[in-house]
Amino acid sequence: MRSVPALFSMSPSEHPYAFVALYLAIATVFPFILLSVAWLWARVFQPPKKNLIKNAIYECGLESPNPTQVQFKAHYYLYAILFLVFDVEVLFLLPFCASATLLPTGALLVMLLFIFLLAEGLVWAWSRGHLEWK
C-alpha cells in the first residue's frame, strides 16, 4: 500500500490551511491555462493576414479625413488625478467617521497622518501652479 503525504491525508478540519493552499494553486495555474489556450487558438485558427486594407486606420468604417494624432493637454489628466485622490480620501474618511467613537487612539493618529499627507500634496500642487486652469 502506498503512503500518502501528510498534507493530503488529513481532512480539511485537521489541516486548516489545506483549502487555502489548494485555492492559491488553482488561482495561480488557471490564468496561465486560459492564456495558453488563447495563444494556441490565435496561432492555429487565426493566422496573421497583413495587408494595407486591414492595417488602415479608420473610424466607424470610414477613413479619417484629418491627421489621427491629436495632442491633448496633460493638465486635464492632472485635474482628473487630483480629483480622484481627494475623492478616494472621502471614501476612506466616511467609514472612519462612522465608527470614530469605537476606534482606539491609534486609529485617530493614523487618520490624522493620512489627512496631513493629502493636505501636503494639495499644498504642493497649489504652490506649483497645477491647480490653475490654463
Protein backbone atom coordinates (compact mmCIF):
# COMPACT_ATOMS: atom_id res chain seq x y z
CA MET A 1 0.00 0.00 0.00
CA ARG A 2 1.35 3.46 -0.93
CA SER A 3 1.74 6.07 1.73
CA VAL A 4 0.02 9.39 1.15
CA PRO A 5 1.78 12.63 2.14
CA ALA A 6 0.53 14.02 5.43
CA LEU A 7 -0.86 17.18 3.81
CA PHE A 8 -3.25 15.21 1.56
CA SER A 9 -4.25 12.51 4.06
CA MET A 10 -5.76 14.97 6.54
CA SER A 11 -9.29 16.20 6.33
CA PRO A 12 -9.79 19.99 5.99
CA SER A 13 -10.70 20.17 9.67
CA GLU A 14 -7.35 18.63 10.65
CA HIS A 15 -5.26 20.95 8.47
CA PRO A 16 -6.95 24.36 8.22
CA TYR A 17 -4.62 25.77 5.54
CA ALA A 18 -5.02 22.91 3.05
CA PHE A 19 -8.00 24.58 1.39
CA VAL A 20 -6.13 27.90 1.15
CA ALA A 21 -3.11 26.19 -0.43
CA LEU A 22 -5.33 24.38 -2.94
CA TYR A 23 -7.19 27.60 -3.75
CA LEU A 24 -3.93 29.52 -4.30
CA ALA A 25 -2.57 26.76 -6.55
CA ILE A 26 -5.72 26.77 -8.68
CA ALA A 27 -5.82 30.59 -8.77
CA THR A 28 -2.21 30.64 -9.96
CA VAL A 29 -2.46 27.93 -12.61
CA PHE A 30 -5.91 28.72 -14.06
CA PRO A 31 -4.99 32.10 -15.71
CA PHE A 32 -1.92 30.55 -17.34
CA ILE A 33 -4.05 27.76 -18.77
CA LEU A 34 -6.51 30.27 -20.24
CA LEU A 35 -3.71 32.41 -21.66
CA SER A 36 -2.03 29.41 -23.27
CA VAL A 37 -5.33 28.25 -24.82
CA ALA A 38 -5.93 31.77 -26.19
CA TRP A 39 -2.39 31.91 -27.57
CA LEU A 40 -2.75 28.49 -29.25
CA TRP A 41 -6.14 29.49 -30.67
CA ALA A 42 -4.65 32.67 -32.17
CA ARG A 43 -1.71 30.76 -33.67
CA VAL A 44 -3.68 27.84 -35.12
CA PHE A 45 -7.05 29.24 -36.15
CA GLN A 46 -6.25 32.91 -36.77
CA PRO A 47 -3.01 33.22 -38.72
CA PRO A 48 -1.90 36.81 -39.38
CA LYS A 49 -3.16 38.26 -42.66
CA LYS A 50 -1.35 41.55 -43.09
CA ASN A 51 -2.40 43.86 -45.91
CA LEU A 52 -2.97 47.58 -46.47
CA ILE A 53 -6.73 47.45 -46.03
CA LYS A 54 -6.55 45.54 -42.75
CA ASN A 55 -3.89 47.82 -41.28
CA ALA A 56 -5.56 51.06 -42.41
CA ILE A 57 -6.72 53.50 -39.75
CA TYR A 58 -10.47 54.04 -39.79
CA GLU A 59 -13.22 55.23 -37.53
CA CYS A 60 -16.79 53.97 -37.88
CA GLY A 61 -15.87 52.24 -41.11
CA LEU A 62 -14.68 55.46 -42.79
CA GLU A 63 -11.18 56.72 -43.37
CA SER A 64 -10.20 59.62 -41.17
CA PRO A 65 -10.06 62.94 -43.11
CA ASN A 66 -7.80 64.60 -40.50
CA PRO A 67 -4.50 63.52 -39.00
CA THR A 68 -5.08 60.78 -36.46
CA GLN A 69 -2.58 62.03 -33.90
CA VAL A 70 -4.19 64.69 -31.74
CA GLN A 71 -2.31 66.24 -28.84
CA PHE A 72 -4.14 66.57 -25.56
CA LYS A 73 -3.01 68.86 -22.80
CA ALA A 74 -1.64 66.98 -19.81
CA HIS A 75 -3.29 69.46 -17.44
CA TYR A 76 -6.63 67.75 -17.95
CA TYR A 77 -5.16 64.47 -16.74
CA LEU A 78 -3.63 66.19 -13.72
CA TYR A 79 -7.02 67.65 -12.76
CA ALA A 80 -8.57 64.20 -13.06
CA ILE A 81 -5.87 62.57 -10.94
CA LEU A 82 -6.15 65.23 -8.24
CA PHE A 83 -9.93 64.79 -8.22
CA LEU A 84 -9.58 61.02 -7.84
CA VAL A 85 -7.07 61.39 -4.99
CA PHE A 86 -9.39 63.59 -2.98
CA ASP A 87 -12.44 61.53 -3.94
CA VAL A 88 -10.76 58.41 -2.57
CA GLU A 89 -9.87 60.40 0.55
CA VAL A 90 -13.58 60.86 1.21
CA LEU A 91 -14.14 57.12 0.77
CA PHE A 92 -11.55 56.45 3.47
CA LEU A 93 -12.86 59.15 5.80
CA LEU A 94 -16.54 58.15 5.78
CA PRO A 95 -16.14 54.73 7.48
CA PHE A 96 -13.71 56.26 9.94
CA CYS A 97 -16.18 59.00 10.85
CA ALA A 98 -18.99 56.48 11.23
CA SER A 99 -17.05 54.44 13.80
CA ALA A 100 -14.75 57.10 15.30
CA THR A 101 -16.04 56.63 18.84
CA LEU A 102 -15.40 52.88 18.78
CA LEU A 103 -11.82 53.05 17.48
CA PRO A 104 -8.67 53.36 19.57
CA THR A 105 -6.50 56.47 19.70
CA GLY A 106 -4.01 54.92 17.26
CA ALA A 107 -6.64 54.93 14.53
CA LEU A 108 -7.18 58.64 15.08
CA LEU A 109 -3.45 59.28 14.77
CA VAL A 110 -3.21 57.24 11.57
CA MET A 111 -6.19 59.11 10.08
CA LEU A 112 -4.63 62.47 11.04
CA LEU A 113 -1.39 61.39 9.34
CA PHE A 114 -3.39 60.39 6.26
CA ILE A 115 -5.15 63.78 6.14
CA PHE A 116 -1.83 65.57 6.70
CA LEU A 117 -0.19 63.76 3.77
CA LEU A 118 -3.10 64.59 1.48
CA ALA A 119 -3.08 68.23 2.60
CA GLU A 120 0.65 68.34 1.94
CA GLY A 121 0.02 67.04 -1.60
CA LEU A 122 -2.65 69.67 -2.13
CA VAL A 123 -0.34 72.46 -0.94
CA TRP A 124 2.43 71.15 -3.21
CA ALA A 125 0.11 71.06 -6.26
CA TRP A 126 -1.19 74.53 -5.43
CA SER A 127 2.30 76.00 -4.95
CA ARG A 128 3.49 74.54 -8.26
CA GLY A 129 0.53 76.09 -10.07
CA HIS A 130 -1.04 72.80 -11.10
CA LEU A 131 -4.48 73.92 -9.97
CA GLU A 132 -4.55 76.94 -12.32
CA TRP A 133 -6.93 76.40 -15.22
CA LYS A 134 -4.98 77.23 -18.38
